Amino acid sequence: MAVHVGGENAGGTMGIVFHCVDGVVSSTGFSPWGEAQGLRDMKVHDTVVSLDQPATLYCELARHLMSLDPKRIALNSSCKGIADGLSWSQRNTLEKELSHEFRSRLVSSEDLVSEWLSVKLPEEVEIMRKAGELTVQLQKEAYMQVVPGTNIAVSP
């Protein structure tokens, strides 16, 4: 998911929290201090928290999540690859930082990620339409090169 949410350039372990209130989604990135400014400059997230000590990531994520007090917390942890960004040890470390009440709110992000990735912006639909047209054109050109019954193609 990192490539979809602005974390593709992370050199160290980082966390991103998305929070929705009244239909408005905001994001907070938690990043090692050496990468925080670059993340801010990209302007992908509403807030970037610089971590002086990378070991404090899970403590800071837990503190932030508990301050938001969400009903459910969708973790990027699943049997499906696209919704499985946390290793087992990373998830366990985060869970240890959360209170029992908040651990009971954890769910897989699988449904959320699938739904989010299925929604396309008009610009994306246009790109997909053009890609389809190019594919059809390339196939037509390739088939015009094929000579049935032979193992060679003929150039026009």
Protein backbone atom coordinates (compact mmCIF):
# COMPACT_ATOMS: atom_id res chain seq x y z
CA MET A 1 0.00 0.00 0.00
CA ALA A 2 2.95 2.33 0.50
CA VAL A 3 2.99 3.33 -3.17
CA HIS A 4 -0.69 4.28 -2.93
CA VAL A 5 -0.45 6.41 0.21
CA GLY A 6 2.80 8.36 -0.11
CA GLY A 7 5.15 6.03 1.71
CA GLU A 8 7.01 4.60 -1.27
CA ASN A 9 10.18 6.62 -0.60
CA ALA A 10 10.54 5.61 3.04
CA GLY A 11 13.97 4.29 3.86
CA GLY A 12 13.03 3.47 7.43
CA THR A 13 9.91 2.13 9.07
CA MET A 14 7.11 4.68 9.09
CA GLY A 15 3.43 4.73 9.89
CA ILE A 16 0.49 6.52 8.33
CA VAL A 17 -2.84 7.06 10.07
CA PHE A 18 -5.93 8.00 8.08
CA HIS A 19 -8.82 9.39 10.06
CA CYS A 20 -12.30 10.20 8.77
CA VAL A 21 -14.62 12.66 10.52
CA ASP A 22 -17.90 13.69 8.90
CA GLY A 23 -16.73 12.38 5.53
CA VAL A 24 -13.46 14.33 5.60
CA VAL A 25 -10.32 12.20 5.57
CA SER A 26 -7.08 13.48 7.03
CA SER A 27 -3.73 11.76 7.28
CA THR A 28 -0.80 11.88 9.65
CA GLY A 29 2.55 10.39 8.69
CA PHE A 30 5.00 9.26 11.38
CA SER A 31 8.46 9.25 9.90
CA PRO A 32 12.11 8.97 10.96
CA TRP A 33 13.48 12.49 11.38
CA GLY A 34 15.82 12.19 8.37
CA GLU A 35 12.86 11.61 6.04
CA ALA A 36 10.22 13.78 7.66
CA GLN A 37 11.05 16.97 5.79
CA GLY A 38 10.97 15.21 2.42
CA LEU A 39 7.58 13.77 3.33
CA ARG A 40 6.36 17.25 4.31
CA ASP A 41 7.67 18.68 1.03
CA MET A 42 5.70 16.07 -0.93
CA LYS A 43 2.52 17.47 0.68
CA VAL A 44 0.85 14.06 0.57
CA HIS A 45 -0.18 14.06 4.25
CA ASP A 46 -1.92 16.72 6.29
CA THR A 47 0.53 16.32 9.16
CA VAL A 48 3.97 14.74 9.42
CA VAL A 49 5.38 13.80 12.81
CA SER A 50 9.16 13.57 12.92
CA LEU A 51 10.45 10.75 15.12
CA ASP A 52 13.82 11.47 16.71
CA GLN A 53 14.02 7.85 17.84
CA PRO A 54 12.61 5.37 15.29
CA ALA A 55 12.01 2.93 18.17
CA THR A 56 9.22 5.23 19.40
CA LEU A 57 7.12 4.72 16.24
CA TYR A 58 4.64 2.24 17.72
CA CYS A 59 4.30 4.21 20.96
CA GLU A 60 3.56 7.39 18.97
CA LEU A 61 1.13 5.58 16.66
CA ALA A 62 -0.71 4.10 19.65
CA ARG A 63 -0.84 7.45 21.43
CA HIS A 64 -2.22 9.12 18.30
CA LEU A 65 -4.81 6.39 17.67
CA MET A 66 -6.03 6.52 21.25
CA SER A 67 -6.31 10.34 21.09
CA LEU A 68 -8.54 10.01 18.02
CA ASP A 69 -10.74 7.45 19.83
CA PRO A 70 -12.03 5.70 16.68
CA LYS A 71 -14.73 3.02 16.87
CA ARG A 72 -12.64 0.75 14.61
CA ILE A 73 -8.97 0.72 13.70
CA ALA A 74 -8.23 -0.88 10.33
CA LEU A 75 -4.68 -2.20 10.29
CA ASN A 76 -2.80 -2.98 7.10
CA SER A 77 -2.69 -6.60 8.20
CA SER A 78 -4.42 -9.35 6.24
CA CYS A 79 -4.03 -12.64 4.38
CA LYS A 80 -4.42 -10.66 1.13
CA GLY A 81 -1.19 -9.09 -0.10
CA ILE A 82 -2.53 -5.61 -0.92
CA ALA A 83 -3.86 -5.19 2.62
CA ASP A 84 -0.89 -6.76 4.41
CA GLY A 85 1.84 -4.23 5.07
CA LEU A 86 2.58 -4.98 8.70
CA SER A 87 4.78 -7.86 9.68
CA TRP A 88 3.55 -10.02 12.53
CA SER A 89 6.15 -8.54 14.90
CA GLN A 90 5.22 -4.98 13.89
CA ARG A 91 1.54 -5.68 14.59
CA ASN A 92 2.39 -7.27 17.95
CA THR A 93 4.56 -4.30 18.90
CA LEU A 94 1.75 -1.88 18.10
CA GLU A 95 -0.81 -3.99 19.95
CA LYS A 96 1.39 -3.98 23.08
CA GLU A 97 1.32 -0.18 23.02
CA LEU A 98 -2.48 -0.02 22.77
CA SER A 99 -4.78 -0.42 25.75
CA HIS A 100 -6.98 -3.52 25.87
CA GLU A 101 -9.98 -1.40 24.86
CA PHE A 102 -8.25 -0.20 21.70
CA ARG A 103 -6.84 -3.64 20.83
CA SER A 104 -10.43 -4.88 20.71
CA ARG A 105 -11.16 -2.28 18.01
CA LEU A 106 -8.56 -3.63 15.58
CA VAL A 107 -9.82 -5.02 12.28
CA SER A 108 -8.15 -5.90 8.99
CA SER A 109 -7.99 -3.12 6.40
CA GLU A 110 -8.79 -5.69 3.70
CA ASP A 111 -12.35 -4.48 2.92
CA LEU A 112 -11.40 -0.81 3.23
CA VAL A 113 -8.38 -1.19 0.94
CA SER A 114 -10.32 -3.19 -1.65
CA GLU A 115 -13.09 -0.62 -1.76
CA TRP A 116 -10.68 2.32 -1.87
CA LEU A 117 -8.65 0.85 -4.72
CA SER A 118 -11.80 0.06 -6.71
CA VAL A 119 -12.89 3.70 -6.85
CA LYS A 120 -11.41 5.52 -9.83
CA LEU A 121 -11.19 9.26 -10.45
CA PRO A 122 -12.42 10.51 -13.82
CA GLU A 123 -8.78 11.11 -14.80
CA GLU A 124 -7.92 7.49 -13.97
CA VAL A 125 -10.88 6.22 -15.99
CA GLU A 126 -9.66 8.23 -18.99
CA ILE A 127 -6.14 6.83 -18.63
CA MET A 128 -7.58 3.30 -18.47
CA ARG A 129 -9.72 3.97 -21.55
CA LYS A 130 -6.67 5.18 -23.50
CA ALA A 131 -4.64 2.17 -22.33
CA GLY A 132 -7.40 -0.12 -23.58
CA GLU A 133 -7.48 1.62 -26.97
CA LEU A 134 -3.69 1.33 -27.27
CA THR A 135 -3.87 -2.36 -26.39
CA VAL A 136 -6.46 -2.99 -29.10
CA GLN A 137 -4.33 -1.10 -31.64
CA LEU A 138 -1.20 -3.07 -30.70
CA GLN A 139 -3.09 -6.35 -31.03
CA LYS A 140 -4.41 -5.40 -34.46
CA GLU A 141 -0.91 -4.47 -35.61
CA ALA A 142 0.51 -7.71 -34.22
CA TYR A 143 -2.16 -9.85 -35.92
CA MET A 144 -1.46 -8.11 -39.25
CA GLN A 145 2.12 -9.41 -38.98
CA VAL A 146 1.16 -13.05 -38.45
CA VAL A 147 1.19 -15.46 -41.40
CA PRO A 148 -1.10 -18.44 -40.66
CA GLY A 149 0.56 -21.84 -40.95
CA THR A 150 4.12 -20.50 -40.57
CA ASN A 151 6.45 -19.78 -37.68
CA ILE A 152 7.47 -16.38 -39.04
CA ALA A 153 5.88 -12.99 -39.20
CA VAL A 154 6.10 -10.78 -42.26
CA SER A 155 6.93 -7.09 -42.04
CA PRO A 156 4.60 -4.85 -44.06
